[in-house]
Amino acid sequence: QVQLVESGGDLVQAGGSLRLSCAASGTSIRINAMAWYRQAPGKQREWVATSLYGGTTHYANSVKGRFTISRDNAKNTVYLQMSSLKPEDTAVYYCNSADGSWAWGQGTQVTVSS
């Protein structure tokens, strides 16, 4: 059974940066396309970024140029480096497989103050 543990969320001022981590167990991220998602209060969960196992990355238009997804296969961990944060980035952030088929972790809260 795959387990995902997200961490690194915090309260940060607009314009600031954060790095989120997602530690996976029960599978090897080396052979999986991984993604970050987020859910803002009162909104549906939305896709943020994808890292394919070949190294290709994709980003939602709302975060392109500001967020970077990366992975450390040896640590079985996926990262999301976020910079130039905006209040609209406030959400609970989750990682999952690129098709969102695994059980969701508890997420990590990112709050951006204006």
Protein backbone atom coordinates (compact mmCIF):
# COMPACT_ATOMS: atom_id res chain seq x y z
CA GLN A 1 0.00 0.00 0.00
CA VAL A 2 1.37 3.36 -1.03
CA GLN A 3 1.71 5.99 1.67
CA LEU A 4 2.48 9.63 1.02
CA VAL A 5 3.62 12.12 3.64
CA GLU A 6 3.77 15.78 2.67
CA SER A 7 5.66 18.39 4.68
CA GLY A 8 7.16 21.84 4.47
CA GLY A 9 4.04 23.99 4.45
CA ASP A 10 4.06 27.21 6.43
CA LEU A 11 2.74 30.74 6.73
CA VAL A 12 4.71 33.01 4.43
CA GLN A 13 4.39 36.57 3.14
CA ALA A 14 3.57 37.28 -0.47
CA GLY A 15 6.72 37.15 -2.56
CA GLY A 16 8.30 34.55 -0.31
CA SER A 17 9.43 31.00 -1.01
CA LEU A 18 8.83 27.53 0.36
CA ARG A 19 9.96 24.03 -0.48
CA LEU A 20 7.51 21.21 0.00
CA SER A 21 8.52 17.58 0.33
CA CYS A 22 6.60 14.38 -0.28
CA ALA A 23 8.03 11.14 1.04
CA ALA A 24 6.59 8.00 -0.54
CA SER A 25 6.62 4.47 0.80
CA GLY A 26 5.21 1.23 -0.55
CA THR A 27 6.32 2.01 -4.08
CA SER A 28 9.29 3.43 -5.94
CA ILE A 29 8.77 6.87 -7.42
CA ARG A 30 11.57 5.99 -9.84
CA ILE A 31 9.07 4.16 -12.04
CA ASN A 32 6.18 6.54 -11.54
CA ALA A 33 5.13 9.87 -12.88
CA MET A 34 4.52 12.06 -9.84
CA ALA A 35 2.45 15.17 -9.38
CA TRP A 36 1.55 17.90 -6.92
CA TYR A 37 -2.00 19.05 -6.40
CA ARG A 38 -3.60 21.67 -4.16
CA GLN A 39 -6.97 22.41 -2.67
CA ALA A 40 -7.94 25.89 -1.60
CA PRO A 41 -10.77 26.49 0.90
CA GLY A 42 -14.14 25.95 -0.74
CA LYS A 43 -12.60 24.80 -4.01
CA GLN A 44 -11.95 21.50 -5.69
CA ARG A 45 -8.52 19.95 -5.69
CA GLU A 46 -6.50 21.08 -8.70
CA TRP A 47 -3.40 19.86 -10.44
CA VAL A 48 -0.25 21.94 -9.99
CA ALA A 49 2.72 20.16 -11.55
CA THR A 50 3.88 16.80 -12.91
CA SER A 51 7.29 15.15 -13.05
CA LEU A 52 7.60 12.31 -15.54
CA TYR A 53 10.15 9.62 -14.83
CA GLY A 54 12.04 10.66 -17.96
CA GLY A 55 12.65 14.10 -16.48
CA THR A 56 9.97 16.05 -18.32
CA THR A 57 7.94 18.43 -16.20
CA HIS A 58 4.61 20.17 -16.74
CA TYR A 59 3.00 23.01 -14.83
CA ALA A 60 -0.38 24.62 -14.47
CA ASN A 61 -0.41 28.05 -16.08
CA SER A 62 -1.06 29.65 -12.69
CA VAL A 63 2.30 28.47 -11.30
CA LYS A 64 4.47 28.29 -14.41
CA GLY A 65 7.73 30.15 -13.93
CA ARG A 66 7.29 30.28 -10.15
CA PHE A 67 7.14 26.63 -9.05
CA THR A 68 9.58 23.81 -9.78
CA ILE A 69 8.87 20.13 -9.27
CA SER A 70 11.80 17.79 -8.74
CA ARG A 71 12.49 14.34 -7.40
CA ASP A 72 15.17 12.45 -5.53
CA ASN A 73 14.66 8.82 -6.53
CA ALA A 74 17.24 7.61 -4.01
CA LYS A 75 15.23 9.20 -1.18
CA ASN A 76 11.91 8.29 -2.79
CA THR A 77 10.91 11.91 -2.33
CA VAL A 78 9.30 14.51 -4.57
CA TYR A 79 9.75 18.24 -4.01
CA LEU A 80 7.93 21.40 -4.97
CA GLN A 81 10.00 24.57 -4.83
CA MET A 82 7.68 27.54 -4.72
CA SER A 83 8.80 31.12 -5.18
CA SER A 84 7.15 34.49 -5.72
CA LEU A 85 4.24 33.18 -3.71
CA LYS A 86 0.87 34.90 -4.00
CA PRO A 87 -2.13 34.89 -1.65
CA GLU A 88 -3.99 32.83 -4.23
CA ASP A 89 -1.44 30.05 -3.72
CA THR A 90 -2.92 29.49 -0.26
CA ALA A 91 -4.09 25.87 -0.14
CA VAL A 92 -3.40 22.42 1.22
CA TYR A 93 -0.81 20.83 -1.05
CA TYR A 94 -0.77 17.12 -1.82
CA CYS A 95 1.38 14.82 -3.88
CA ASN A 96 0.23 11.70 -5.68
CA SER A 97 0.87 9.72 -8.81
CA ALA A 98 0.27 11.66 -11.98
CA ASP A 99 -3.16 10.05 -12.34
CA GLY A 100 -4.04 10.60 -8.68
CA SER A 101 -4.75 6.94 -8.18
CA TRP A 102 -3.07 6.42 -4.82
CA ALA A 103 -4.56 7.10 -1.41
CA TRP A 104 -4.17 10.76 -0.55
CA GLY A 105 -1.90 11.84 2.28
CA GLN A 106 -2.79 14.45 4.86
CA GLY A 107 -1.33 17.26 2.78
CA THR A 108 0.62 20.27 3.99
CA GLN A 109 -0.88 23.71 4.54
CA VAL A 110 0.57 26.68 2.70
CA THR A 111 -0.74 30.08 3.70
CA VAL A 112 0.42 33.20 1.88
CA SER A 113 -0.38 36.50 3.53
CA SER A 114 -0.70 39.73 1.57
